[in-house]
N, C-alpha and C. Protein backbone atom coordinates (compact mmCIF):
# COMPACT_ATOMS: atom_id res chain seq x y z
N MET A 1 -12.36 -1.41 -1.14
CA MET A 1 -12.05 -2.79 -0.47
C MET A 1 -10.74 -2.23 0.99
N THR A 2 -11.36 -3.02 1.99
CA THR A 2 -10.60 -2.32 3.32
C THR A 2 -9.07 -3.07 3.29
N TYR A 3 -8.60 -2.38 4.66
CA TYR A 3 -7.29 -3.42 4.69
C TYR A 3 -7.00 -4.55 4.63
N THR A 4 -8.50 -5.32 5.43
CA THR A 4 -7.82 -6.69 6.18
C THR A 4 -8.70 -7.43 4.22
N ASP A 5 -8.89 -6.38 3.47
CA ASP A 5 -9.39 -7.29 2.19
C ASP A 5 -8.15 -7.62 1.21
N THR A 6 -6.88 -6.82 1.82
CA THR A 6 -5.86 -7.48 0.89
C THR A 6 -4.71 -8.06 1.57
N THR A 7 -4.05 -8.87 -0.04
CA THR A 7 -3.54 -10.08 -0.16
C THR A 7 -3.09 -9.91 1.41
N THR A 8 -1.69 -9.14 1.43
CA THR A 8 -0.86 -9.34 2.87
C THR A 8 -1.48 -9.35 4.00
N PHE A 9 -2.65 -8.61 4.09
CA PHE A 9 -3.05 -8.95 5.64
C PHE A 9 -3.82 -10.12 5.37
N THR A 10 -4.61 -10.95 4.32
CA THR A 10 -5.39 -12.28 4.33
C THR A 10 -3.91 -13.30 4.57
N ILE A 11 -3.06 -13.00 3.86
CA ILE A 11 -2.12 -14.17 3.82
C ILE A 11 -1.07 -14.33 5.32
N ALA A 12 -1.13 -13.23 5.66
CA ALA A 12 -0.80 -13.41 7.25
C ALA A 12 -1.77 -14.11 8.28
N GLY A 13 -2.47 -14.05 7.69
CA GLY A 13 -3.85 -14.65 8.82
C GLY A 13 -3.65 -13.86 9.50
N LEU A 14 -3.91 -12.53 9.98
CA LEU A 14 -4.32 -12.06 10.91
C LEU A 14 -6.11 -11.97 11.31
N PRO A 15 -5.99 -11.86 12.71
CA PRO A 15 -7.39 -11.65 13.03
C PRO A 15 -8.00 -10.54 12.38
N GLU A 16 -8.95 -10.44 12.48
CA GLU A 16 -9.65 -8.63 12.03
C GLU A 16 -10.18 -8.10 13.31
N SER A 17 -9.44 -7.95 14.54
CA SER A 17 -9.52 -7.70 15.91
C SER A 17 -8.53 -8.46 16.37
N GLY A 18 -8.05 -7.05 17.65
CA GLY A 18 -6.58 -7.57 18.40
C GLY A 18 -5.67 -6.61 18.35
N SER A 19 -4.61 -6.47 19.24
CA SER A 19 -3.50 -5.61 18.83
C SER A 19 -3.29 -5.77 17.48
N VAL A 20 -2.68 -6.33 16.86
CA VAL A 20 -1.80 -6.85 15.71
C VAL A 20 -2.89 -5.71 14.81
N ALA A 21 -3.81 -6.19 14.69
CA ALA A 21 -4.78 -5.82 13.76
C ALA A 21 -5.58 -4.24 13.81
N ASP A 22 -5.05 -3.80 15.42
CA ASP A 22 -5.58 -2.74 15.48
C ASP A 22 -4.45 -2.04 15.03
N ALA A 23 -3.14 -2.04 15.33
CA ALA A 23 -1.78 -1.57 14.87
C ALA A 23 -1.77 -1.42 13.69
N VAL A 24 -2.59 -2.76 12.55
CA VAL A 24 -2.24 -2.66 11.04
C VAL A 24 -3.62 -1.37 10.51
N ALA A 25 -4.33 -1.14 11.29
CA ALA A 25 -5.39 -0.52 11.36
C ALA A 25 -5.36 1.15 10.97
N THR A 26 -4.13 1.53 11.96
CA THR A 26 -3.54 2.55 12.13
C THR A 26 -2.99 2.44 10.43
N ARG A 27 -2.45 1.64 10.03
CA ARG A 27 -1.75 2.09 8.40
C ARG A 27 -2.40 1.43 7.18
N ALA A 28 -3.20 1.78 7.49
CA ALA A 28 -4.39 1.47 6.62
C ALA A 28 -4.21 1.91 5.10
N LYS A 29 -3.54 2.84 5.00
CA LYS A 29 -3.30 3.19 3.61
C LYS A 29 -2.20 2.70 3.09
N ILE A 30 -1.31 2.32 4.08
CA ILE A 30 -0.13 1.37 3.36
C ILE A 30 -0.51 -0.12 2.82
N PHE A 31 -1.39 -0.57 3.25
CA PHE A 31 -2.07 -1.64 2.71
C PHE A 31 -2.67 -1.95 1.64
N ALA A 32 -3.32 -0.22 1.50
CA ALA A 32 -4.36 -0.12 -0.03
C ALA A 32 -2.94 -0.30 -0.95
N MET A 33 -2.16 0.57 -0.75
CA MET A 33 -0.57 1.35 -1.43
C MET A 33 -0.10 -0.29 -1.89
N THR A 34 0.03 -1.22 -0.83
CA THR A 34 0.56 -2.59 -1.55
C THR A 34 -0.24 -3.03 -2.25
N GLN A 35 -1.59 -3.22 -1.99
CA GLN A 35 -2.52 -4.37 -2.79
C GLN A 35 -2.48 -3.12 -4.40
N ALA A 36 -2.40 -1.78 -3.94
CA ALA A 36 -2.48 -1.39 -5.13
C ALA A 36 -0.76 -1.59 -6.32
N ALA A 37 0.12 -2.00 -5.31
CA ALA A 37 1.58 -2.36 -6.03
C ALA A 37 1.42 -3.94 -6.51
N GLU A 38 0.36 -4.30 -5.83
CA GLU A 38 0.29 -5.91 -6.23
C GLU A 38 -0.51 -6.16 -7.57
N GLU A 39 -1.09 -5.08 -7.90
CA GLU A 39 -2.38 -5.13 -9.05
C GLU A 39 -1.19 -4.73 -10.29
N ALA A 40 -0.38 -3.22 -9.55
CA ALA A 40 0.08 -3.41 -11.13
C ALA A 40 1.59 -3.94 -11.46
N VAL A 41 2.15 -4.70 -10.63
CA VAL A 41 3.29 -5.71 -11.31
C VAL A 41 2.33 -7.09 -11.76
N LEU A 42 1.17 -7.88 -10.68
CA LEU A 42 0.67 -8.55 -10.95
C LEU A 42 -0.43 -8.63 -12.42
N ARG A 43 -0.85 -8.04 -12.40
CA ARG A 43 -2.24 -7.74 -13.72
C ARG A 43 -2.36 -5.81 -14.06
N PRO A 44 -0.52 -5.71 -14.71
CA PRO A 44 -1.00 -4.22 -15.28
C PRO A 44 -1.64 -3.95 -16.42
N GLN A 45 -2.29 -3.02 -16.99
CA GLN A 45 -3.22 -3.03 -17.90
C GLN A 45 -1.66 -3.16 -19.14
N ASP A 46 -0.45 -2.61 -19.26
CA ASP A 46 0.49 -2.51 -20.13
C ASP A 46 1.44 -4.27 -19.68
N CYS A 47 1.23 -5.22 -19.84
CA CYS A 47 1.60 -6.61 -19.49
C CYS A 47 2.88 -7.08 -20.34
N GLY A 48 3.51 -6.25 -20.85
CA GLY A 48 4.48 -6.64 -22.23
C GLY A 48 4.60 -7.64 -22.40
N ALA A 49 5.67 -8.69 -22.20
CA ALA A 49 5.73 -9.66 -22.99
C ALA A 49 5.34 -10.65 -22.08
N PHE A 50 5.32 -10.38 -20.90
CA PHE A 50 4.85 -11.39 -19.81
C PHE A 50 3.69 -11.57 -19.37
N SER A 51 2.64 -12.10 -20.12
CA SER A 51 1.35 -12.14 -19.25
C SER A 51 0.97 -12.17 -17.69
N HIS A 52 -0.15 -12.00 -17.54
CA HIS A 52 -1.04 -12.11 -16.20
C HIS A 52 -0.72 -13.66 -15.50
N THR A 53 -0.75 -14.68 -16.66
CA THR A 53 -0.46 -16.05 -16.23
C THR A 53 0.95 -16.50 -15.62
N LEU A 54 1.54 -15.90 -16.20
CA LEU A 54 2.91 -15.91 -16.45
C LEU A 54 3.57 -15.41 -15.05
N ARG A 55 2.73 -13.90 -15.02
CA ARG A 55 3.74 -13.44 -13.65
C ARG A 55 3.14 -13.74 -12.51
N ALA A 56 1.87 -14.73 -12.70
CA ALA A 56 1.36 -15.31 -11.59
C ALA A 56 2.22 -16.64 -10.96
N GLY A 57 3.00 -16.88 -11.85
CA GLY A 57 3.30 -18.03 -11.82
C GLY A 57 4.79 -18.69 -11.72
N LEU A 58 5.68 -17.07 -12.15
CA LEU A 58 6.53 -16.44 -11.43
C LEU A 58 6.27 -16.09 -9.32
N ALA A 59 5.32 -15.25 -9.74
CA ALA A 59 5.15 -15.41 -8.22
C ALA A 59 4.58 -15.99 -6.88
N ALA A 60 4.37 -17.18 -7.97
CA ALA A 60 3.95 -18.62 -7.11
C ALA A 60 5.33 -18.88 -6.59
N ARG A 61 6.23 -19.00 -8.13
CA ARG A 61 7.89 -19.65 -7.62
C ARG A 61 8.24 -18.67 -6.47
N VAL A 62 8.69 -17.42 -6.75
CA VAL A 62 9.42 -16.66 -5.35
C VAL A 62 8.88 -16.74 -4.30
N ALA A 63 7.47 -16.86 -4.36
CA ALA A 63 7.08 -17.57 -2.60
C ALA A 63 7.24 -18.80 -2.33
N GLN A 64 7.39 -19.15 -3.04
CA GLN A 64 8.10 -20.87 -2.74
C GLN A 64 9.19 -21.17 -2.07
N GLN A 65 10.31 -20.15 -3.21
CA GLN A 65 11.40 -19.73 -2.97
C GLN A 65 11.50 -19.29 -1.57
N ALA A 66 11.19 -18.03 -1.24
CA ALA A 66 10.79 -17.24 0.35
C ALA A 66 10.23 -18.83 1.38
N LYS A 67 9.89 -19.83 1.16
CA LYS A 67 9.28 -20.79 2.07
C LYS A 67 7.66 -19.92 2.35
N ASP A 68 6.82 -19.61 1.72
CA ASP A 68 5.37 -19.20 2.11
C ASP A 68 4.41 -19.84 1.12
N GLU A 69 4.37 -21.04 1.60
CA GLU A 69 3.36 -21.74 0.92
C GLU A 69 1.86 -21.55 1.18
N ALA A 70 1.38 -20.43 1.64
CA ALA A 70 0.07 -19.88 1.83
C ALA A 70 0.62 -18.16 0.40
N LEU A 71 1.37 -17.66 0.26
CA LEU A 71 1.73 -16.63 -0.24
C LEU A 71 1.69 -17.79 -2.14
N ALA A 72 2.37 -18.69 -1.86
CA ALA A 72 2.65 -19.46 -3.07
C ALA A 72 1.51 -19.86 -3.61
N GLN A 73 0.47 -20.74 -2.73
CA GLN A 73 -1.12 -21.01 -3.25
C GLN A 73 -1.69 -19.89 -3.89
N HIS A 74 -1.54 -18.38 -2.92
CA HIS A 74 -2.43 -17.46 -3.70
C HIS A 74 -2.04 -17.20 -4.61
N TYR A 75 -0.73 -17.42 -5.29
CA TYR A 75 -0.40 -16.44 -6.71
C TYR A 75 -0.54 -17.94 -7.19
N LEU A 76 -0.73 -19.01 -7.00
CA LEU A 76 -1.03 -20.20 -7.89
C LEU A 76 -2.19 -20.33 -8.46
N LYS A 77 -3.15 -19.88 -7.80
CA LYS A 77 -4.57 -19.84 -8.26
C LYS A 77 -4.56 -18.98 -9.56
N GLY A 78 -3.50 -18.25 -10.12
CA GLY A 78 -4.08 -17.09 -10.64
C GLY A 78 -2.31 -17.76 -12.08
N ALA A 79 -1.93 -18.83 -12.05
CA ALA A 79 -0.81 -19.22 -12.80
C ALA A 79 -1.17 -19.68 -14.08
N GLY A 80 -2.43 -20.97 -14.54
CA GLY A 80 -2.77 -21.40 -15.18
C GLY A 80 -2.01 -22.02 -15.94
N GLU A 81 -1.49 -22.28 -17.07
CA GLU A 81 -0.92 -22.98 -17.93
C GLU A 81 1.29 -22.89 -17.55
N TYR A 82 1.03 -22.02 -16.30
CA TYR A 82 2.44 -21.60 -15.95
C TYR A 82 2.71 -22.28 -14.27
N ALA A 83 1.73 -22.90 -13.63
CA ALA A 83 1.69 -23.60 -12.43
C ALA A 83 2.83 -24.46 -12.42
N ASN A 84 3.13 -24.74 -13.36
CA ASN A 84 4.01 -25.68 -13.22
C ASN A 84 5.57 -24.69 -12.91
N LEU A 85 5.86 -23.46 -12.74
CA LEU A 85 7.07 -22.88 -12.11
C LEU A 85 7.38 -22.50 -10.41
N THR A 86 6.35 -23.36 -10.14
CA THR A 86 6.22 -23.51 -8.30
C THR A 86 7.17 -24.34 -8.05
N ASP A 87 7.31 -25.71 -9.24
CA ASP A 87 8.48 -26.49 -8.62
C ASP A 87 10.04 -26.01 -8.84
N LEU A 88 10.44 -25.97 -7.77
CA LEU A 88 11.37 -25.07 -7.57
C LEU A 88 12.60 -26.06 -9.12
N ALA A 89 12.10 -27.36 -9.14
CA ALA A 89 13.27 -28.16 -9.85
C ALA A 89 13.00 -27.80 -11.75
N GLU A 90 11.62 -27.13 -11.82
CA GLU A 90 11.45 -26.68 -13.04
C GLU A 90 12.15 -25.60 -13.52
N THR A 91 12.95 -25.93 -14.55
CA THR A 91 13.46 -24.94 -15.25
C THR A 91 12.87 -23.74 -16.22
N GLY A 92 11.84 -24.11 -16.76
CA GLY A 92 11.20 -23.66 -17.68
C GLY A 92 11.43 -23.44 -19.60
N ALA A 93 12.50 -24.54 -19.06
CA ALA A 93 12.84 -24.82 -20.97
C ALA A 93 12.04 -25.58 -21.81
N GLY A 94 10.77 -26.01 -21.09
CA GLY A 94 9.52 -26.69 -21.73
C GLY A 94 8.93 -25.69 -22.68
N GLN A 95 9.08 -24.46 -21.61
CA GLN A 95 7.97 -23.45 -22.46
C GLN A 95 8.96 -22.58 -22.64
N GLY A 96 9.78 -22.65 -22.70
CA GLY A 96 10.77 -20.86 -23.47
C GLY A 96 10.96 -20.45 -22.53
N LEU A 97 11.26 -20.76 -21.59
CA LEU A 97 11.28 -19.47 -19.80
C LEU A 97 12.76 -20.34 -19.58
N ARG A 98 13.81 -20.64 -19.89
CA ARG A 98 14.87 -21.59 -19.49
C ARG A 98 15.65 -19.76 -18.60
N THR A 99 15.51 -18.77 -19.52
CA THR A 99 16.48 -17.30 -19.16
C THR A 99 16.13 -16.99 -18.27
N VAL A 100 14.60 -16.87 -18.83
CA VAL A 100 13.75 -15.73 -17.52
C VAL A 100 13.96 -16.36 -16.05
N VAL A 101 13.30 -17.58 -16.18
CA VAL A 101 13.48 -18.17 -14.88
C VAL A 101 14.55 -18.51 -14.14
N THR A 102 15.69 -18.88 -14.84
CA THR A 102 16.97 -18.52 -14.38
C THR A 102 16.84 -17.34 -13.87
N PHE A 103 16.85 -16.27 -14.47
CA PHE A 103 16.88 -14.37 -13.97
C PHE A 103 15.91 -14.53 -12.95
N VAL A 104 14.44 -14.82 -12.77
CA VAL A 104 14.04 -14.41 -11.89
C VAL A 104 14.39 -15.04 -10.13
N ASP A 105 14.98 -16.09 -10.73
CA ASP A 105 15.21 -16.83 -9.32
C ASP A 105 16.89 -16.58 -9.08
N LYS A 106 18.12 -15.94 -9.56
CA LYS A 106 19.07 -15.09 -9.46
C LYS A 106 18.35 -13.86 -8.67
N VAL A 107 17.54 -13.08 -9.22
CA VAL A 107 17.07 -11.61 -8.73
C VAL A 107 16.77 -12.25 -7.49
N ALA A 108 15.94 -12.52 -7.08
CA ALA A 108 15.19 -13.15 -5.71
C ALA A 108 16.23 -13.73 -4.67
N ASN A 109 16.82 -14.64 -5.12
CA ASN A 109 17.73 -14.83 -4.10
C ASN A 109 19.16 -14.69 -3.87
N GLN A 110 20.05 -13.94 -5.14
CA GLN A 110 21.21 -13.47 -5.28
C GLN A 110 20.91 -12.34 -6.06
N THR A 111 20.51 -11.11 -5.43
CA THR A 111 20.54 -9.77 -6.17
C THR A 111 21.65 -9.35 -6.37
N ARG A 112 22.58 -9.50 -5.31
CA ARG A 112 23.81 -8.77 -5.75
C ARG A 112 24.93 -9.09 -6.58
N ASP A 113 24.43 -10.36 -6.54
CA ASP A 113 25.05 -10.97 -8.17
C ASP A 113 24.99 -10.67 -9.24
N ILE A 114 23.44 -10.03 -9.95
CA ILE A 114 23.01 -9.47 -10.76
C ILE A 114 24.45 -8.87 -11.57
N SER A 115 24.72 -9.09 -12.73
CA SER A 115 25.61 -8.65 -13.80
C SER A 115 25.28 -8.48 -15.12
N ALA A 116 26.14 -7.78 -15.52
CA ALA A 116 25.58 -7.08 -17.14
C ALA A 116 25.35 -8.21 -17.99
N GLU A 117 25.92 -9.41 -17.75
CA GLU A 117 25.51 -10.50 -18.42
C GLU A 117 24.66 -11.17 -18.34
N ASP A 118 23.92 -11.35 -16.97
CA ASP A 118 22.62 -11.53 -16.94
C ASP A 118 21.89 -10.97 -17.47
N ILE A 119 21.38 -9.52 -17.92
CA ILE A 119 20.96 -8.64 -18.31
C ILE A 119 21.00 -9.15 -20.32
N ALA A 120 22.64 -9.02 -20.48
CA ALA A 120 22.62 -9.42 -21.77
C ALA A 120 22.43 -10.54 -22.24
N GLY A 121 22.19 -11.71 -21.02
CA GLY A 121 21.47 -13.02 -21.55
C GLY A 121 20.05 -12.82 -22.03
N LEU A 122 19.45 -11.98 -21.40
CA LEU A 122 18.27 -11.69 -21.54
C LEU A 122 17.13 -11.12 -23.28
N GLN A 123 18.42 -10.14 -22.96
CA GLN A 123 18.82 -9.31 -24.38
C GLN A 123 18.78 -10.14 -25.14
N ALA A 124 19.73 -11.31 -25.25
CA ALA A 124 20.02 -11.83 -26.50
C ALA A 124 18.96 -13.01 -27.01
N GLU A 125 18.28 -12.91 -25.87
CA GLU A 125 16.93 -14.59 -26.06
C GLU A 125 15.81 -13.40 -26.76
N GLY A 126 15.79 -12.16 -26.40
CA GLY A 126 14.81 -11.09 -27.44
C GLY A 126 13.61 -10.33 -26.42
N VAL A 127 14.02 -10.57 -24.97
CA VAL A 127 13.83 -9.52 -23.81
C VAL A 127 13.84 -8.36 -24.01
N ALA A 128 12.76 -7.60 -24.17
CA ALA A 128 13.17 -6.18 -23.96
C ALA A 128 13.26 -5.30 -22.66
N ASP A 129 14.29 -4.59 -22.73
CA ASP A 129 14.71 -3.95 -21.88
C ASP A 129 13.46 -3.70 -20.60
N ALA A 130 12.45 -2.98 -21.40
CA ALA A 130 11.22 -2.32 -20.36
C ALA A 130 10.42 -3.96 -19.69
N ASP A 131 10.62 -5.10 -20.71
CA ASP A 131 10.56 -6.09 -19.94
C ASP A 131 11.40 -6.92 -18.53
N ILE A 132 12.63 -6.38 -19.01
CA ILE A 132 13.71 -6.61 -17.88
C ILE A 132 13.18 -6.23 -16.72
N VAL A 133 12.81 -4.71 -16.92
CA VAL A 133 12.68 -3.84 -15.81
C VAL A 133 11.16 -4.29 -15.11
N ARG A 134 10.07 -4.75 -15.76
CA ARG A 134 8.91 -5.61 -15.41
C ARG A 134 9.48 -6.35 -14.65
N LEU A 135 10.40 -7.46 -14.87
CA LEU A 135 10.71 -8.81 -13.91
C LEU A 135 11.61 -8.15 -13.38
N CYS A 136 12.00 -7.56 -12.70
CA CYS A 136 12.73 -6.71 -11.12
C CYS A 136 11.50 -6.37 -10.52
N GLU A 137 10.95 -5.35 -10.99
CA GLU A 137 10.00 -4.71 -10.40
C GLU A 137 9.15 -6.07 -9.69
N LEU A 138 8.47 -6.88 -10.38
CA LEU A 138 7.63 -8.08 -9.83
C LEU A 138 8.85 -9.12 -8.54
N VAL A 139 9.75 -8.63 -8.65
CA VAL A 139 10.95 -9.92 -8.00
C VAL A 139 10.91 -8.75 -6.43
N ALA A 140 11.01 -7.03 -7.05
CA ALA A 140 11.24 -6.85 -5.52
C ALA A 140 9.51 -6.65 -5.05
N PHE A 141 8.70 -6.14 -5.90
CA PHE A 141 7.70 -6.26 -5.20
C PHE A 141 7.14 -7.98 -3.97
N LEU A 142 7.62 -8.36 -4.69
CA LEU A 142 7.49 -9.58 -3.93
C LEU A 142 8.79 -9.52 -2.59
N ALA A 143 9.39 -9.59 -2.82
CA ALA A 143 10.27 -9.57 -2.08
C ALA A 143 9.93 -8.36 -0.57
N TYR A 144 9.13 -7.37 -1.13
CA TYR A 144 8.58 -6.60 -0.13
C TYR A 144 7.31 -7.37 0.72
N GLN A 145 6.67 -7.48 -0.10
CA GLN A 145 5.47 -8.26 -0.01
C GLN A 145 5.64 -9.17 1.21
N SER A 146 6.71 -10.42 0.90
CA SER A 146 6.71 -11.21 2.00
C SER A 146 7.61 -11.15 3.20
N ARG A 147 8.33 -10.30 3.29
CA ARG A 147 8.42 -9.46 4.23
C ARG A 147 7.50 -8.33 5.52
N VAL A 148 7.33 -8.14 4.98
CA VAL A 148 5.80 -7.33 5.56
C VAL A 148 5.07 -8.68 6.09
N ILE A 149 4.41 -9.99 5.41
CA ILE A 149 3.97 -10.54 5.83
C ILE A 149 4.75 -11.56 6.80
N SER A 150 6.04 -12.20 6.87
CA SER A 150 6.66 -12.51 7.76
C SER A 150 6.66 -11.23 8.63
N GLY A 151 6.47 -10.16 9.28
CA GLY A 151 6.70 -9.33 9.85
C GLY A 151 5.37 -9.54 10.66
N LEU A 152 4.11 -9.54 9.98
CA LEU A 152 2.85 -9.52 11.12
C LEU A 152 2.54 -10.55 11.26
N ARG A 153 3.06 -11.64 10.90
CA ARG A 153 2.82 -12.90 11.29
C ARG A 153 4.20 -13.34 12.97
N LEU A 154 5.12 -12.41 12.80
CA LEU A 154 5.50 -12.48 14.17
C LEU A 154 5.14 -11.42 14.87
N MET A 155 4.78 -10.26 14.83
CA MET A 155 4.05 -9.75 15.50
C MET A 155 3.08 -10.35 16.19
N GLN A 156 2.08 -10.93 15.05
CA GLN A 156 0.83 -11.81 16.13
C GLN A 156 1.47 -12.97 17.04
N GLY A 157 2.47 -13.22 16.63
CA GLY A 157 3.24 -14.29 17.56
C GLY A 157 3.59 -13.79 18.45
N ALA A 158 3.80 -12.45 19.05
CA ALA A 158 4.32 -11.48 20.11
C ALA A 158 3.14 -11.64 21.09
N ALA A 159 2.13 -11.09 20.11
CA ALA A 159 0.92 -10.53 20.78
C ALA A 159 -0.31 -11.52 21.69
N GLU A 160 0.59 -13.03 21.10
CA GLU A 160 -0.41 -14.45 21.35
C GLU A 160 -0.16 -14.13 23.30
C-alpha cells in the first residue's frame, strides 16, 4: 500500500501529483502509520465488546458530527446493522447502545467535560474498562484523522 491508497489521502480528495501530493510524499511513513492506526482501532484482532461493524457505525457518526460527509460515507460502508448511528438524532436505544452512543458523542464533542460519572455510567451498563479505553481510542483517532484530512484539504485549496 502506498500513501496514496490510505483513507486519509483518499478522503482528503488529493490528486496524486502536484505540490500537496509532493509534500505528502515526504511524509509517506506517517500516512502508513495513520492507516495502521485506523486498522487497529476499527478492525482490531481483539475487538472486545465492540464489533467491527459497531466501530464503523460509531466512526461514521463521529465523522458526521465533524461535518465530513466523505469520511462518514467511507465508514458507513462497514457499519452494517449500525448504519443508523450516522443519523445524529439516533440515540442507539433500540440497539441497547444509548449509554455508549451518549458517551461517544460527549467524548467527540465535549472531551473536557468527561467525568467519573460518565465512566461509571458505562461500567454500570456492563462495559469493561478495557472497552471504555477502546471507545476513547476510536474517538481520539477519528479526531486526529479528521483534522489531518481538513488540513490537507486546506493545503490543496491554498495550492490551487
